[in-house]
N, C-alpha and C. Protein backbone atom coordinates (compact mmCIF):
# COMPACT_ATOMS: atom_id res chain seq x y z
N MET A 1 38.71 16.29 36.87
CA MET A 1 37.21 16.20 37.06
C MET A 1 36.57 16.34 35.56
N ARG A 2 35.99 15.48 34.87
CA ARG A 2 35.05 15.80 34.48
C ARG A 2 34.42 16.48 33.55
N ASN A 3 34.19 16.60 32.29
CA ASN A 3 34.11 18.40 31.76
C ASN A 3 32.77 17.51 31.36
N PRO A 4 31.28 18.82 31.84
CA PRO A 4 30.25 18.72 31.14
C PRO A 4 29.97 18.32 29.78
N ARG A 5 29.03 17.83 29.30
CA ARG A 5 28.54 17.01 28.00
C ARG A 5 27.60 18.10 27.09
N GLU A 6 28.85 18.42 26.22
CA GLU A 6 27.97 19.65 25.51
C GLU A 6 26.85 19.07 24.47
N GLU A 7 25.95 19.47 24.05
CA GLU A 7 25.13 19.37 23.78
C GLU A 7 25.52 19.28 21.99
N LYS A 8 25.61 18.24 20.68
CA LYS A 8 26.23 18.34 19.74
C LYS A 8 24.81 18.89 19.16
N SER A 9 23.66 18.59 18.66
CA SER A 9 22.97 19.37 17.93
C SER A 9 21.55 19.60 18.52
N THR A 10 21.51 21.17 17.70
CA THR A 10 19.76 21.43 18.18
C THR A 10 18.90 20.82 17.14
N ILE A 11 18.87 20.03 16.62
CA ILE A 11 17.94 19.56 15.50
C ILE A 11 17.13 18.86 15.71
N ASP A 12 15.86 19.50 15.84
CA ASP A 12 14.59 18.12 16.32
C ASP A 12 14.47 17.26 15.28
N LEU A 13 15.02 15.69 14.91
CA LEU A 13 14.73 14.99 14.64
C LEU A 13 13.23 14.70 13.79
N LEU A 14 12.13 14.90 15.03
CA LEU A 14 10.58 14.77 14.95
C LEU A 14 10.20 15.67 13.99
N LYS A 15 10.48 16.79 13.44
CA LYS A 15 10.07 17.51 12.79
C LYS A 15 10.39 17.41 11.06
N PRO A 16 9.80 17.24 10.59
CA PRO A 16 9.30 17.18 8.73
C PRO A 16 10.79 18.02 8.40
N ILE A 17 10.95 18.00 7.27
CA ILE A 17 12.50 19.23 6.74
C ILE A 17 11.63 20.21 5.51
N ASP A 18 12.38 21.09 5.91
CA ASP A 18 11.54 22.32 5.05
C ASP A 18 12.98 22.55 4.27
N ASN A 19 11.73 22.18 2.66
CA ASN A 19 12.57 22.39 1.63
C ASN A 19 13.28 23.85 1.03
N ALA A 20 13.00 24.59 2.03
CA ALA A 20 12.84 25.88 1.26
C ALA A 20 14.94 26.84 2.40
N VAL A 21 14.51 25.66 3.31
CA VAL A 21 15.65 25.89 4.90
C VAL A 21 17.16 25.69 3.83
N GLY A 22 18.26 27.24 3.69
CA GLY A 22 19.31 26.02 3.85
C GLY A 22 19.60 26.09 1.84
N LEU A 23 18.50 25.91 1.51
CA LEU A 23 19.00 25.74 -0.62
C LEU A 23 20.10 27.19 -0.82
N ASP A 24 20.89 26.94 -1.46
CA ASP A 24 21.21 27.80 -2.53
C ASP A 24 20.65 27.21 -3.82
N LYS A 25 20.41 28.42 -4.76
CA LYS A 25 20.02 28.07 -6.18
C LYS A 25 21.21 26.66 -6.52
N ALA A 26 22.29 27.36 -6.25
CA ALA A 26 23.69 26.01 -7.17
C ALA A 26 23.89 25.17 -6.47
N ASP A 27 23.10 24.76 -5.31
CA ASP A 27 22.75 23.02 -5.00
C ASP A 27 22.30 22.09 -6.22
N CYS A 28 22.51 21.46 -6.11
CA CYS A 28 21.86 20.66 -6.81
C CYS A 28 20.56 19.28 -6.11
N LEU A 29 21.05 19.87 -4.56
CA LEU A 29 19.83 19.29 -4.08
C LEU A 29 18.49 18.29 -4.86
N GLY A 30 18.74 17.69 -4.83
CA GLY A 30 16.97 17.07 -5.18
C GLY A 30 16.80 16.66 -6.43
N LEU A 31 17.39 17.79 -7.21
CA LEU A 31 17.82 17.41 -8.82
C LEU A 31 18.02 16.58 -9.76
N LEU A 32 19.39 15.99 -9.11
CA LEU A 32 20.53 15.34 -9.95
C LEU A 32 21.09 14.00 -9.08
N TYR A 33 20.12 13.61 -8.08
CA TYR A 33 20.07 12.33 -7.03
C TYR A 33 20.32 11.38 -8.18
N ASP A 34 21.65 10.59 -8.11
CA ASP A 34 21.62 8.99 -8.46
C ASP A 34 22.43 8.55 -7.73
N PRO A 35 22.66 7.40 -6.73
CA PRO A 35 23.15 7.12 -6.04
C PRO A 35 24.35 5.91 -6.65
N LYS A 36 24.47 5.93 -7.65
CA LYS A 36 25.30 5.53 -7.90
C LYS A 36 26.28 5.78 -8.70
N ASN A 37 26.17 7.19 -8.77
CA ASN A 37 26.80 8.14 -8.91
C ASN A 37 28.20 8.68 -7.77
N LYS A 38 29.86 8.48 -7.92
CA LYS A 38 30.11 8.79 -7.07
C LYS A 38 30.09 10.20 -6.09
N GLU A 39 30.24 11.59 -7.43
CA GLU A 39 29.71 12.77 -6.22
C GLU A 39 28.74 12.79 -5.53
N CYS A 40 27.76 11.54 -5.70
CA CYS A 40 25.97 11.70 -4.76
C CYS A 40 26.59 10.47 -3.38
N SER A 41 27.65 9.34 -3.96
CA SER A 41 27.52 8.57 -3.03
C SER A 41 28.85 8.70 -2.03
N ILE A 42 29.40 9.73 -2.25
CA ILE A 42 30.17 10.89 -0.96
C ILE A 42 29.62 12.10 -0.98
N CYS A 43 29.07 12.35 -0.76
CA CYS A 43 27.99 13.71 -0.66
C CYS A 43 27.54 13.49 0.25
N GLN A 44 27.61 14.23 2.10
CA GLN A 44 27.24 14.46 3.08
C GLN A 44 25.75 14.34 3.35
N GLU A 45 25.54 14.92 1.90
CA GLU A 45 23.22 15.36 2.41
C GLU A 45 22.91 14.53 1.41
N GLN A 46 23.76 12.78 1.17
CA GLN A 46 22.77 11.70 0.32
C GLN A 46 21.39 12.06 0.72
N ALA A 47 21.46 11.35 1.94
CA ALA A 47 20.07 11.00 2.63
C ALA A 47 18.89 12.49 2.84
N TYR A 48 19.19 13.67 2.48
CA TYR A 48 18.75 14.83 2.40
C TYR A 48 17.72 15.30 1.20
N CYS A 49 19.20 14.68 0.02
CA CYS A 49 19.05 15.06 -1.27
C CYS A 49 18.21 13.62 -1.44
N ALA A 50 17.69 12.57 -0.88
CA ALA A 50 16.98 11.46 -1.66
C ALA A 50 15.53 12.23 -1.23
N ASN A 51 15.70 12.52 0.14
CA ASN A 51 13.93 12.68 0.65
C ASN A 51 13.44 13.98 -0.71
N LEU A 52 14.60 15.09 -0.89
CA LEU A 52 13.86 15.70 -1.79
C LEU A 52 13.72 15.11 -3.15
N TYR A 53 14.48 14.06 -3.36
CA TYR A 53 14.41 13.83 -5.01
C TYR A 53 13.19 13.04 -4.97
N ALA A 54 12.67 12.46 -3.95
CA ALA A 54 11.67 11.41 -3.40
C ALA A 54 10.56 12.31 -3.15
N ARG A 55 10.55 13.49 -3.13
CA ARG A 55 9.28 14.76 -2.77
C ARG A 55 8.47 14.90 -4.19
N ASP A 56 9.93 15.12 -5.12
CA ASP A 56 9.51 15.69 -6.38
C ASP A 56 9.14 14.40 -7.11
N VAL A 57 9.59 13.09 -7.16
CA VAL A 57 8.90 12.23 -7.97
C VAL A 57 7.54 12.28 -7.90
N GLN A 58 7.66 11.88 -6.13
CA GLN A 58 5.62 11.88 -5.90
C GLN A 58 5.38 12.71 -6.45
N LYS A 59 5.54 14.11 -6.63
CA LYS A 59 4.43 15.33 -7.51
C LYS A 59 4.43 15.03 -8.92
N LYS A 60 5.55 14.48 -9.34
CA LYS A 60 4.80 14.23 -10.62
C LYS A 60 4.06 13.26 -10.90
N ILE A 61 4.06 11.84 -9.91
CA ILE A 61 3.77 11.29 -10.15
C ILE A 61 1.97 11.21 -9.83
N GLU A 62 1.78 11.73 -9.02
CA GLU A 62 0.30 12.51 -8.97
C GLU A 62 -0.52 13.79 -9.82
N PHE A 63 0.50 14.22 -10.13
CA PHE A 63 -0.07 15.31 -11.56
C PHE A 63 -0.62 14.03 -12.23
N THR A 64 0.62 13.33 -12.62
CA THR A 64 0.28 12.37 -14.36
C THR A 64 -1.18 11.63 -13.64
N GLU A 65 -1.26 11.38 -12.40
CA GLU A 65 -2.14 10.34 -12.77
C GLU A 65 -3.59 11.41 -12.23
N ARG A 66 -3.48 12.43 -11.74
CA ARG A 66 -4.56 13.10 -12.14
C ARG A 66 -4.86 13.60 -13.21
N GLU A 67 -4.03 13.55 -14.17
CA GLU A 67 -4.04 13.55 -16.08
C GLU A 67 -4.62 13.17 -16.89
N GLN A 68 -4.14 12.41 -16.51
CA GLN A 68 -4.02 10.92 -17.56
C GLN A 68 -4.97 9.45 -16.53
N GLY A 69 -4.97 9.46 -15.38
CA GLY A 69 -5.33 8.36 -14.95
C GLY A 69 -4.68 7.51 -14.16
N PRO A 70 -5.13 6.30 -13.69
CA PRO A 70 -3.94 5.34 -13.10
C PRO A 70 -3.03 4.73 -14.01
N PHE A 71 -1.94 4.47 -13.16
CA PHE A 71 -0.73 3.86 -13.94
C PHE A 71 -1.51 2.38 -14.36
N LEU A 72 -0.90 1.82 -15.93
CA LEU A 72 -1.56 0.23 -16.10
C LEU A 72 -1.33 -0.48 -14.71
N ASP A 73 -0.37 -0.35 -13.94
CA ASP A 73 -0.43 -1.44 -12.83
C ASP A 73 -0.98 -1.24 -11.45
N GLN A 74 -1.76 -0.25 -11.91
CA GLN A 74 -2.71 0.25 -10.65
C GLN A 74 -4.33 -0.66 -11.22
N VAL A 75 -4.45 -0.37 -13.07
CA VAL A 75 -5.89 -0.10 -13.13
C VAL A 75 -6.12 -2.02 -13.19
N ASP A 76 -7.44 -2.07 -12.19
CA ASP A 76 -8.32 -3.18 -11.72
C ASP A 76 -9.29 -3.51 -12.42
N PHE A 77 -8.25 -4.37 -13.80
CA PHE A 77 -8.51 -5.46 -14.71
C PHE A 77 -9.66 -6.85 -14.26
N LYS A 78 -10.01 -7.09 -12.70
CA LYS A 78 -10.43 -7.83 -12.49
C LYS A 78 -11.61 -7.36 -11.76
N SER A 79 -12.51 -5.85 -11.72
CA SER A 79 -13.13 -6.08 -11.57
C SER A 79 -14.53 -5.82 -13.39
N VAL A 80 -14.13 -6.17 -14.06
CA VAL A 80 -14.87 -6.63 -14.97
C VAL A 80 -15.78 -7.53 -15.63
N ASN A 81 -16.50 -8.02 -14.91
CA ASN A 81 -17.30 -9.13 -15.10
C ASN A 81 -18.58 -9.37 -16.24
N TRP A 82 -17.41 -10.30 -16.79
CA TRP A 82 -17.92 -10.51 -18.42
C TRP A 82 -19.37 -11.25 -18.48
N LYS A 83 -20.09 -11.89 -17.20
CA LYS A 83 -21.44 -12.36 -16.92
C LYS A 83 -22.42 -11.10 -17.33
N VAL A 84 -21.70 -10.15 -16.29
CA VAL A 84 -22.95 -9.49 -16.65
C VAL A 84 -23.04 -8.12 -18.14
N LEU A 85 -21.68 -8.02 -19.18
CA LEU A 85 -21.32 -8.04 -20.15
C LEU A 85 -22.17 -8.62 -21.35
N GLU A 86 -22.05 -10.22 -21.13
CA GLU A 86 -22.55 -11.14 -22.01
C GLU A 86 -23.60 -10.65 -22.08
N LYS A 87 -24.73 -10.53 -20.91
CA LYS A 87 -26.58 -10.04 -20.93
C LYS A 87 -26.21 -9.26 -21.73
N ILE A 88 -25.52 -7.83 -21.12
CA ILE A 88 -25.84 -6.53 -21.52
C ILE A 88 -26.10 -6.67 -24.01
N ALA A 89 -24.59 -7.15 -23.80
CA ALA A 89 -24.56 -7.89 -25.12
C ALA A 89 -25.62 -8.47 -25.64
N CYS A 90 -26.43 -9.67 -25.01
CA CYS A 90 -27.19 -10.21 -25.89
C CYS A 90 -28.29 -9.27 -25.50
N GLN A 91 -29.15 -8.54 -24.70
CA GLN A 91 -30.03 -7.46 -24.55
C GLN A 91 -30.50 -6.62 -25.71
N TYR A 92 -28.83 -6.04 -26.70
CA TYR A 92 -28.61 -5.50 -26.56
C TYR A 92 -28.94 -6.66 -28.63
N GLU A 93 -28.54 -7.16 -28.48
CA GLU A 93 -29.06 -8.46 -29.59
C GLU A 93 -30.49 -8.20 -30.06
N VAL A 94 -30.94 -8.53 -28.72
CA VAL A 94 -32.78 -8.39 -28.95
C VAL A 94 -33.43 -7.43 -29.33
N ASP A 95 -33.00 -6.43 -28.70
CA ASP A 95 -33.48 -4.97 -29.44
C ASP A 95 -32.81 -4.30 -30.40
N ASN A 96 -32.71 -5.23 -31.60
CA ASN A 96 -31.57 -5.63 -32.93
C ASN A 96 -30.97 -4.23 -32.66
N ASP A 97 -30.05 -3.97 -31.93
CA ASP A 97 -29.12 -2.61 -31.83
C ASP A 97 -28.53 -3.46 -31.05
N PRO A 98 -26.57 -4.06 -31.93
CA PRO A 98 -26.00 -5.20 -31.16
C PRO A 98 -24.83 -4.45 -30.80
N LEU A 99 -24.29 -4.65 -29.55
CA LEU A 99 -23.33 -3.44 -28.82
C LEU A 99 -22.39 -3.53 -29.91
N SER A 100 -21.76 -2.73 -29.86
CA SER A 100 -20.34 -2.13 -31.22
C SER A 100 -19.57 -2.83 -29.87
N PHE A 101 -18.16 -2.71 -31.03
CA PHE A 101 -16.44 -3.18 -30.48
C PHE A 101 -16.44 -1.57 -29.38
N ASN A 102 -16.80 -0.77 -29.62
CA ASN A 102 -16.13 0.92 -29.31
C ASN A 102 -17.01 1.08 -27.66
N GLU A 103 -18.75 0.56 -28.13
CA GLU A 103 -19.24 0.24 -26.87
C GLU A 103 -18.45 -0.27 -25.89
N LEU A 104 -18.01 -1.62 -25.86
CA LEU A 104 -17.78 -2.39 -24.68
C LEU A 104 -16.33 -1.51 -24.59
N ILE A 105 -15.31 -0.97 -25.01
CA ILE A 105 -14.45 -0.28 -24.93
C ILE A 105 -14.59 0.42 -24.13
N THR A 106 -15.42 1.15 -24.19
CA THR A 106 -16.02 2.48 -23.04
C THR A 106 -16.32 1.66 -21.67
N GLU A 107 -16.77 0.82 -21.88
CA GLU A 107 -17.97 0.11 -21.19
C GLU A 107 -16.51 -0.65 -19.58
N ILE A 108 -15.63 -0.59 -20.27
CA ILE A 108 -15.17 -1.36 -20.14
C ILE A 108 -13.81 -0.76 -18.98
N LYS A 109 -13.51 0.42 -20.19
CA LYS A 109 -12.72 1.75 -19.44
C LYS A 109 -13.25 2.19 -18.31
N ALA A 110 -14.67 2.30 -18.35
CA ALA A 110 -15.69 3.08 -17.40
C ALA A 110 -15.45 2.06 -15.60
N LEU A 111 -15.21 1.06 -16.24
CA LEU A 111 -15.67 -0.44 -15.26
C LEU A 111 -13.61 -0.39 -14.40
N THR A 112 -13.21 -0.14 -15.47
CA THR A 112 -11.65 -0.29 -15.04
C THR A 112 -10.58 1.22 -14.13
N LYS A 113 -11.89 2.05 -14.91
CA LYS A 113 -11.02 3.49 -14.71
C LYS A 113 -9.66 3.56 -15.10
N CYS A 114 -9.14 2.91 -16.53
CA CYS A 114 -8.17 3.23 -17.62
C CYS A 114 -8.55 4.30 -18.39
N ALA A 115 -7.92 4.78 -18.87
CA ALA A 115 -7.66 5.37 -20.24
C ALA A 115 -6.89 4.98 -21.51
N ASP A 116 -6.78 4.07 -21.08
CA ASP A 116 -5.58 3.85 -22.48
C ASP A 116 -6.57 2.84 -23.45
N ASP A 117 -6.62 3.07 -24.65
CA ASP A 117 -7.21 2.24 -25.77
C ASP A 117 -6.89 0.43 -25.56
N VAL A 118 -5.93 1.05 -26.28
CA VAL A 118 -4.86 -0.31 -26.32
C VAL A 118 -4.55 -1.07 -25.25
N ALA A 119 -4.56 -1.13 -24.20
CA ALA A 119 -4.65 -1.39 -23.13
C ALA A 119 -5.88 -2.16 -22.80
N VAL A 120 -6.89 -1.52 -23.02
CA VAL A 120 -8.37 -2.06 -22.55
C VAL A 120 -8.50 -3.08 -24.11
N THR A 121 -8.50 -2.91 -25.29
CA THR A 121 -8.31 -3.52 -26.15
C THR A 121 -7.46 -4.94 -25.82
N GLU A 122 -6.17 -5.13 -26.05
CA GLU A 122 -5.61 -6.25 -25.37
C GLU A 122 -6.18 -6.45 -24.45
N PHE A 123 -6.60 -6.36 -23.52
CA PHE A 123 -7.40 -7.00 -22.80
C PHE A 123 -8.64 -7.91 -23.17
N ILE A 124 -9.22 -7.45 -23.81
CA ILE A 124 -10.91 -7.80 -24.68
C ILE A 124 -9.81 -8.62 -25.84
N ARG A 125 -8.93 -8.55 -26.68
CA ARG A 125 -8.59 -9.61 -27.48
C ARG A 125 -8.34 -10.66 -26.48
N ARG A 126 -7.93 -10.53 -25.27
CA ARG A 126 -7.12 -12.17 -24.40
C ARG A 126 -8.75 -12.66 -23.60
N ASN A 127 -9.31 -12.16 -23.48
CA ASN A 127 -10.83 -11.83 -22.51
C ASN A 127 -11.61 -12.66 -23.46
N LEU A 128 -11.87 -12.54 -24.77
CA LEU A 128 -13.44 -12.57 -25.09
C LEU A 128 -13.37 -14.70 -25.96
N PRO A 129 -12.15 -15.00 -25.33
CA PRO A 129 -12.19 -15.92 -26.37
C PRO A 129 -13.14 -17.10 -25.22
N LYS A 130 -12.55 -16.12 -24.12
CA LYS A 130 -13.30 -17.42 -22.87
C LYS A 130 -14.18 -16.78 -22.07
N THR A 131 -15.23 -16.13 -23.10
CA THR A 131 -16.76 -15.76 -22.70
C THR A 131 -17.52 -16.22 -23.74
N ASN A 132 -18.49 -15.75 -23.91
CA ASN A 132 -19.36 -16.61 -24.41
C ASN A 132 -20.20 -15.64 -25.32
N LEU A 133 -18.81 -14.94 -25.52
CA LEU A 133 -19.23 -13.42 -27.16
C LEU A 133 -18.24 -13.88 -27.83
N THR A 134 -18.52 -13.05 -29.35
CA THR A 134 -18.22 -13.15 -30.43
C THR A 134 -17.62 -11.41 -31.19
N LEU A 135 -16.86 -11.49 -31.81
CA LEU A 135 -16.70 -9.96 -32.20
C LEU A 135 -16.97 -10.59 -34.01
N GLU A 136 -17.95 -9.70 -34.61
CA GLU A 136 -18.22 -9.96 -36.09
C GLU A 136 -18.78 -8.39 -36.57
N ALA A 137 -17.96 -7.74 -37.28
CA ALA A 137 -17.68 -6.94 -38.21
C ALA A 137 -18.13 -5.61 -37.11
N GLY A 138 -17.57 -5.28 -36.35
CA GLY A 138 -17.20 -4.51 -35.08
C GLY A 138 -18.31 -5.06 -34.58
N TYR A 139 -19.22 -5.44 -34.23
CA TYR A 139 -20.28 -5.91 -33.19
C TYR A 139 -19.87 -6.68 -32.16
N VAL A 140 -19.90 -7.14 -31.09
CA VAL A 140 -20.26 -8.22 -30.07
C VAL A 140 -21.20 -8.07 -29.65
N LYS A 141 -21.19 -9.87 -30.10
CA LYS A 141 -22.46 -10.61 -30.17
C LYS A 141 -22.92 -12.04 -29.43
N GLY A 142 -23.54 -12.59 -29.20
CA GLY A 142 -23.21 -13.67 -27.52
C GLY A 142 -23.32 -14.81 -29.28
N LYS A 143 -22.76 -15.66 -28.62
CA LYS A 143 -22.41 -17.05 -29.40
C LYS A 143 -23.94 -17.98 -29.01
N ASN A 144 -23.93 -18.59 -30.32
CA ASN A 144 -24.85 -19.43 -30.45
C ASN A 144 -24.65 -20.23 -29.50
N LYS A 145 -25.59 -20.64 -28.51
CA LYS A 145 -25.29 -22.23 -27.62
C LYS A 145 -26.44 -23.08 -27.90
N ASN A 146 -26.24 -23.09 -29.32
CA ASN A 146 -27.36 -24.47 -29.98
C ASN A 146 -26.20 -25.17 -30.33
N ASN A 147 -24.91 -24.37 -30.97
CA ASN A 147 -23.85 -25.53 -30.81
C ASN A 147 -22.67 -26.44 -29.76
């Protein structure tokens, strides 16, 4: 006669893992995760450790984004409308108060939500020749349309 089937696990796989359950302070779980490491590759808790490590990395990313703004690969430089900036620069010229380069950087930083001055300066350096704007003595001016 056949023996009755035993339940192998009472773990509910649909519930999220609780980080605090079953962790000993000596465990490396989630701290030193490296799938190329021999010890990590043979560890039975590799999947659990990877999950903990991913959570820690995500927390660090969220903290960095809150403190410093989005990373450069998340910045939307396509939101910069050069035609609008050209009109603003021309209006400043008409008012005899030309738009300074620092004001242009500040405007583009606001449009793109980028906090990195170097990245914005490089973006301007690459795209300014494609527009009707020039940079003269630290001020942004419209190109002479009579030429």
